[in-house]
Amino acid sequence: MPLPKSKQDLQRLLGMVNYLSQYIPNMSEITAPLRTLLKKDIQWSWHNEHQKALERIKKVLTSSPVLHFYDIDKPVILQVDASQGGLGACLIQEGHPVIYASRSLTNAEQHYAQIELLAIVFACERFNQFIYGTQVTVHSDHKPLEAIIAKPLSQAPPRIQRLLIRLQKYHPTVKYVPGKFLFIADTLSRAYLPEEGEQQELNEDIEVMVHSMVTAIPASPEKMAELKEETANDETLQQLKQQMVQGWPDRKHEIPQNLATYWNIRHELSEAE
């Protein structure tokens, strides 16, 4: 978690601490040096006493009695949120955090229309070892997600389909919760640490893996006929098919712009009969 750079950052952090205050002994004493920075007549200036208080808070938030061990028999809530620069998630059981997660967004992800859906995908994949095969409730402040998750995959736009496909192996039920109550996820989504280039490579690897899984899914003759018909009527897919027949050039800029999204997985693509 990076240092707060403004009073707004600090208010957000202390909001998260206050949300968990029932589990934090001596919270007032621990946060006192930081709360002085929020006074109107105090100019923002970070000193050693503030750093020490922040380190104490970090230790408290990542140890008992705040942090609990995962219990397979207890219900699971995933609190998720997205900011302009990052994603935040927390696995919660009976009000206690079990594990936190956050990461920065890639340049491409910052332009996603459904960034809140990406936050759910991030949470499920990051907490895979805890939630795989388990029914989970996802708390999100993006109300349309309740309907998006419930719709058939075929009714979703292509980019949303790719995200929904990554959720297929999980069992999330999305529940709308106003953002002002998502203290933990909101703080984490804005207090992410910059990631190395491996994250972009990981996302590309996931795209390849998802494509491989989809092509391996058995389909009925009726479904295959429907897929063939829709593919034949899709201009971009027909152009992609032609490009695969002709062969891919050596440089990305030599392909049509609408095929650029397939460049990183071009060698993994094949035509299913």
Protein backbone atom coordinates (compact mmCIF):
# COMPACT_ATOMS: atom_id res chain seq x y z
CA MET A 1 0.00 0.00 0.00
CA PRO A 2 1.60 3.31 -1.07
CA LEU A 3 1.78 6.41 1.08
CA PRO A 4 -1.27 8.69 1.14
CA LYS A 5 -0.48 11.72 -1.00
CA SER A 6 -3.35 13.96 0.06
CA LYS A 7 -6.01 14.45 2.71
CA GLN A 8 -8.47 12.70 0.41
CA ASP A 9 -6.22 9.62 0.23
CA LEU A 10 -5.87 9.62 4.01
CA GLN A 11 -9.63 10.01 4.54
CA ARG A 12 -10.21 6.98 2.34
CA LEU A 13 -7.69 4.91 4.31
CA LEU A 14 -9.12 5.94 7.66
CA GLY A 15 -12.60 5.15 6.35
CA MET A 16 -11.46 1.58 5.79
CA VAL A 17 -9.88 1.47 9.26
CA ASN A 18 -13.05 2.83 10.84
CA TYR A 19 -15.11 0.21 8.98
CA LEU A 20 -13.03 -2.46 10.72
CA SER A 21 -12.75 -0.58 14.01
CA GLN A 22 -14.76 -3.14 15.99
CA TYR A 23 -11.86 -5.55 15.51
CA ILE A 24 -9.06 -3.03 16.19
CA PRO A 25 -7.99 -2.48 19.81
CA ASN A 26 -6.79 1.06 20.60
CA MET A 27 -7.83 2.33 17.17
CA SER A 28 -8.09 5.95 18.33
CA GLU A 29 -4.59 5.88 19.75
CA ILE A 30 -3.14 4.25 16.63
CA THR A 31 -4.75 6.68 14.18
CA ALA A 32 -4.33 9.86 16.26
CA PRO A 33 -1.19 11.14 14.43
CA LEU A 34 -2.93 10.68 11.07
CA ARG A 35 -6.18 12.28 12.10
CA THR A 36 -4.36 15.49 12.96
CA LEU A 37 -3.46 15.83 9.27
CA LEU A 38 -7.15 16.07 8.41
CA LYS A 39 -7.74 19.24 10.42
CA LYS A 40 -8.62 22.26 8.31
CA ASP A 41 -5.90 24.45 9.79
CA ILE A 42 -3.16 21.83 9.27
CA GLN A 43 -1.16 21.90 6.04
CA TRP A 44 -0.44 18.50 4.49
CA SER A 45 3.07 17.41 5.43
CA TRP A 46 4.11 13.80 5.94
CA HIS A 47 6.56 13.16 8.77
CA ASN A 48 8.12 10.23 10.59
CA GLU A 49 5.33 10.07 13.18
CA HIS A 50 2.78 9.66 10.39
CA GLN A 51 4.85 6.94 8.76
CA LYS A 52 5.05 5.03 12.03
CA ALA A 53 1.28 5.28 12.46
CA LEU A 54 0.75 4.02 8.92
CA GLU A 55 3.02 1.03 9.52
CA ARG A 56 1.08 0.19 12.69
CA ILE A 57 -2.17 0.33 10.74
CA LYS A 58 -0.79 -1.98 8.06
CA LYS A 59 0.27 -4.47 10.71
CA VAL A 60 -3.12 -4.33 12.42
CA LEU A 61 -5.06 -4.80 9.17
CA THR A 62 -3.00 -7.82 8.16
CA SER A 63 -3.07 -9.76 11.41
CA SER A 64 -5.54 -11.14 13.96
CA PRO A 65 -8.08 -10.13 15.22
CA VAL A 66 -8.86 -8.18 12.02
CA LEU A 67 -7.66 -10.78 9.54
CA HIS A 68 -9.16 -14.27 9.88
CA PHE A 69 -8.23 -17.65 8.47
CA TYR A 70 -10.42 -18.94 5.65
CA ASP A 71 -13.21 -21.28 6.79
CA ILE A 72 -14.61 -23.57 4.11
CA ASP A 73 -17.92 -23.86 5.99
CA LYS A 74 -18.65 -20.12 6.15
CA PRO A 75 -20.33 -17.98 3.46
CA VAL A 76 -18.01 -15.99 1.22
CA ILE A 77 -18.39 -12.36 0.19
CA LEU A 78 -16.14 -10.72 -2.38
CA GLN A 79 -16.03 -6.96 -2.06
CA VAL A 80 -14.78 -5.46 -5.33
CA ASP A 81 -14.20 -2.03 -6.81
CA ALA A 82 -12.38 -0.33 -9.67
CA SER A 83 -10.82 3.10 -9.97
CA GLN A 84 -9.31 4.87 -12.97
CA GLY A 85 -5.96 3.29 -12.22
CA GLY A 86 -6.51 0.05 -10.36
CA LEU A 87 -8.63 -2.82 -9.09
CA GLY A 88 -9.33 -3.74 -5.48
CA ALA A 89 -10.85 -6.83 -3.90
CA CYS A 90 -11.27 -8.41 -0.49
CA LEU A 91 -12.54 -11.85 0.51
CA ILE A 92 -14.71 -11.49 3.60
CA GLN A 93 -16.27 -14.03 5.96
CA GLU A 94 -18.61 -12.96 8.76
CA GLY A 95 -17.40 -9.37 8.48
CA HIS A 96 -13.70 -10.24 8.75
CA PRO A 97 -11.25 -9.81 5.88
CA VAL A 98 -9.52 -13.06 4.93
CA ILE A 99 -7.30 -11.79 2.13
CA TYR A 100 -6.78 -8.51 0.28
CA ALA A 101 -5.80 -7.98 -3.34
CA SER A 102 -5.16 -5.05 -5.65
CA ARG A 103 -3.33 -4.30 -8.85
CA SER A 104 -2.88 -1.52 -11.35
CA LEU A 105 -4.69 -1.48 -14.68
CA THR A 106 -2.87 -1.94 -17.95
CA ASN A 107 -3.13 0.81 -20.55
CA ALA A 108 -5.67 -1.23 -22.51
CA GLU A 109 -7.76 -2.03 -19.43
CA GLN A 110 -8.10 1.65 -18.57
CA HIS A 111 -10.30 2.01 -21.66
CA TYR A 112 -12.62 -0.89 -20.80
CA ALA A 113 -16.29 0.10 -20.68
CA GLN A 114 -17.04 -2.61 -18.10
CA ILE A 115 -14.14 -2.06 -15.75
CA GLU A 116 -16.31 -3.06 -12.78
CA LEU A 117 -16.87 -6.46 -14.39
CA LEU A 118 -13.11 -6.75 -14.78
CA ALA A 119 -12.85 -6.18 -11.02
CA ILE A 120 -15.06 -9.22 -10.42
CA VAL A 121 -12.96 -11.33 -12.79
CA PHE A 122 -9.81 -10.15 -11.03
CA ALA A 123 -11.22 -11.05 -7.60
CA CYS A 124 -12.40 -14.51 -8.64
CA GLU A 125 -9.14 -15.40 -10.38
CA ARG A 126 -6.96 -14.01 -7.60
CA PHE A 127 -8.95 -15.90 -4.93
CA ASN A 128 -9.39 -19.02 -7.06
CA GLN A 129 -7.97 -21.39 -4.43
CA PHE A 130 -10.62 -20.25 -1.95
CA ILE A 131 -13.76 -19.92 -4.09
CA TYR A 132 -13.46 -22.54 -6.84
CA GLY A 133 -16.55 -24.76 -6.58
CA THR A 134 -18.12 -22.49 -3.95
CA GLN A 135 -21.11 -20.17 -4.21
CA VAL A 136 -19.97 -16.60 -3.57
CA THR A 137 -21.74 -13.26 -3.22
CA VAL A 138 -20.05 -10.32 -4.91
CA HIS A 139 -20.63 -6.82 -3.56
CA SER A 140 -20.25 -4.20 -6.29
CA ASP A 141 -21.35 -0.58 -6.59
CA HIS A 142 -22.17 -1.04 -10.30
CA LYS A 143 -25.85 -1.98 -10.31
CA PRO A 144 -26.07 -3.02 -14.03
CA LEU A 145 -23.78 -5.95 -13.24
CA GLU A 146 -26.65 -7.73 -11.50
CA ALA A 147 -28.39 -8.02 -14.87
CA ILE A 148 -25.24 -8.51 -16.97
CA ILE A 149 -24.12 -11.54 -14.96
CA ALA A 150 -27.59 -13.09 -15.18
CA LYS A 151 -27.96 -12.75 -18.97
CA PRO A 152 -27.08 -15.56 -21.40
CA LEU A 153 -23.52 -15.31 -22.72
CA SER A 154 -24.80 -15.00 -26.30
CA GLN A 155 -26.54 -11.71 -25.50
CA ALA A 156 -23.39 -9.95 -24.29
CA PRO A 157 -21.08 -7.81 -26.48
CA PRO A 158 -17.78 -9.51 -27.50
CA ARG A 159 -15.54 -7.81 -24.94
CA ILE A 160 -17.99 -8.53 -22.12
CA GLN A 161 -18.28 -12.12 -23.37
CA ARG A 162 -14.54 -12.60 -22.91
CA LEU A 163 -14.82 -11.47 -19.30
CA LEU A 164 -17.92 -13.56 -18.65
CA ILE A 165 -16.21 -16.63 -20.10
CA ARG A 166 -13.47 -16.22 -17.51
CA LEU A 167 -16.19 -16.33 -14.84
CA GLN A 168 -17.79 -19.52 -16.16
CA LYS A 169 -16.01 -21.81 -13.71
CA TYR A 170 -17.11 -19.74 -10.71
CA HIS A 171 -20.53 -19.24 -9.12
CA PRO A 172 -20.82 -15.51 -8.38
CA THR A 173 -24.05 -13.80 -7.42
CA VAL A 174 -23.71 -10.04 -7.76
CA LYS A 175 -25.39 -7.82 -5.19
CA TYR A 176 -25.46 -4.06 -5.58
CA VAL A 177 -23.98 -2.18 -2.63
CA PRO A 178 -23.52 1.62 -2.73
CA GLY A 179 -19.88 2.59 -3.09
CA LYS A 180 -19.85 4.48 0.20
CA PHE A 181 -20.12 1.10 1.95
CA LEU A 182 -17.33 -0.63 0.01
CA PHE A 183 -14.63 0.84 2.21
CA ILE A 184 -12.07 -1.93 1.80
CA ALA A 185 -12.30 -2.50 -1.96
CA ASP A 186 -12.48 1.22 -2.69
CA THR A 187 -9.33 1.90 -0.69
CA LEU A 188 -7.47 -0.99 -2.30
CA SER A 189 -8.47 0.02 -5.84
CA ARG A 190 -6.91 3.44 -5.31
CA ALA A 191 -3.95 2.35 -3.18
CA TYR A 192 -2.52 -0.20 -5.59
CA LEU A 193 1.19 -0.62 -6.13
CA PRO A 194 2.52 -0.22 -9.69
CA GLU A 195 3.07 -3.62 -11.28
CA GLU A 196 5.83 -4.85 -13.53
CA GLY A 197 5.33 -5.76 -17.17
CA GLU A 198 4.58 -9.36 -16.21
CA GLN A 199 0.97 -8.40 -15.49
CA GLN A 200 0.37 -7.47 -19.14
CA GLU A 201 1.97 -10.74 -20.22
CA LEU A 202 -0.20 -12.63 -17.74
CA ASN A 203 -3.35 -11.04 -19.14
CA GLU A 204 -2.30 -12.01 -22.65
CA ASP A 205 -1.62 -15.58 -21.50
CA ILE A 206 -5.08 -15.70 -19.96
CA GLU A 207 -6.63 -14.58 -23.24
CA VAL A 208 -4.86 -17.44 -24.98
CA MET A 209 -5.94 -19.93 -22.32
CA VAL A 210 -9.56 -18.79 -22.52
CA HIS A 211 -9.54 -19.16 -26.28
CA SER A 212 -8.15 -22.68 -25.98
CA MET A 213 -10.82 -23.62 -23.44
CA VAL A 214 -13.61 -22.27 -25.62
CA THR A 215 -12.50 -24.19 -28.69
CA ALA A 216 -12.37 -27.38 -26.63
CA ILE A 217 -15.94 -27.06 -25.33
CA PRO A 218 -18.19 -29.72 -26.91
CA ALA A 219 -21.24 -28.32 -28.69
CA SER A 220 -24.39 -29.90 -30.07
CA PRO A 221 -24.96 -30.00 -33.86
CA GLU A 222 -27.63 -27.32 -33.47
CA LYS A 223 -25.27 -25.03 -31.57
CA MET A 224 -22.49 -25.59 -34.10
CA ALA A 225 -24.87 -24.72 -36.93
CA GLU A 226 -25.84 -21.53 -35.11
CA LEU A 227 -22.20 -20.62 -34.52
CA LYS A 228 -21.36 -21.18 -38.19
CA GLU A 229 -24.27 -19.02 -39.31
CA GLU A 230 -23.37 -16.18 -36.96
CA THR A 231 -19.72 -16.41 -37.95
CA ALA A 232 -20.63 -16.23 -41.64
CA ASN A 233 -22.63 -13.06 -40.97
CA ASP A 234 -19.91 -11.39 -38.91
CA GLU A 235 -17.75 -9.14 -41.09
CA THR A 236 -14.82 -9.03 -38.66
CA LEU A 237 -14.71 -12.81 -38.21
CA GLN A 238 -14.83 -13.33 -41.96
CA GLN A 239 -11.95 -10.91 -42.34
CA LEU A 240 -10.11 -12.75 -39.57
CA LYS A 241 -10.71 -16.06 -41.34
CA GLN A 242 -9.31 -14.66 -44.57
CA GLN A 243 -6.27 -13.33 -42.74
CA MET A 244 -5.63 -16.77 -41.25
CA VAL A 245 -5.80 -18.33 -44.72
CA GLN A 246 -3.43 -15.75 -46.20
CA GLY A 247 -1.08 -15.90 -43.24
CA TRP A 248 -0.12 -13.25 -40.71
CA PRO A 249 2.44 -10.55 -41.61
CA ASP A 250 5.58 -9.95 -39.59
CA ARG A 251 4.41 -6.63 -38.18
CA LYS A 252 1.22 -5.74 -36.37
CA HIS A 253 0.71 -2.45 -38.21
CA GLU A 254 0.34 -4.36 -41.49
CA ILE A 255 -2.98 -5.92 -40.49
CA PRO A 256 -6.40 -4.19 -40.54
CA GLN A 257 -7.10 -2.18 -37.40
CA ASN A 258 -10.14 -4.26 -36.46
CA LEU A 259 -7.96 -7.39 -36.30
CA ALA A 260 -5.35 -5.85 -34.00
CA THR A 261 -7.02 -7.36 -30.93
CA TYR A 262 -6.20 -10.84 -32.27
CA TRP A 263 -2.50 -10.14 -32.84
CA ASN A 264 -1.19 -11.51 -29.54
CA ILE A 265 -3.05 -14.81 -29.99
CA ARG A 266 -2.70 -15.11 -33.78
CA HIS A 267 -0.67 -18.31 -33.55
CA GLU A 268 -3.26 -19.92 -31.28
CA LEU A 269 -6.20 -19.34 -33.62
CA SER A 270 -7.65 -22.09 -35.78
CA GLU A 271 -10.86 -22.69 -37.69
CA ALA A 272 -13.25 -25.22 -36.18
CA GLU A 273 -15.20 -27.36 -38.61
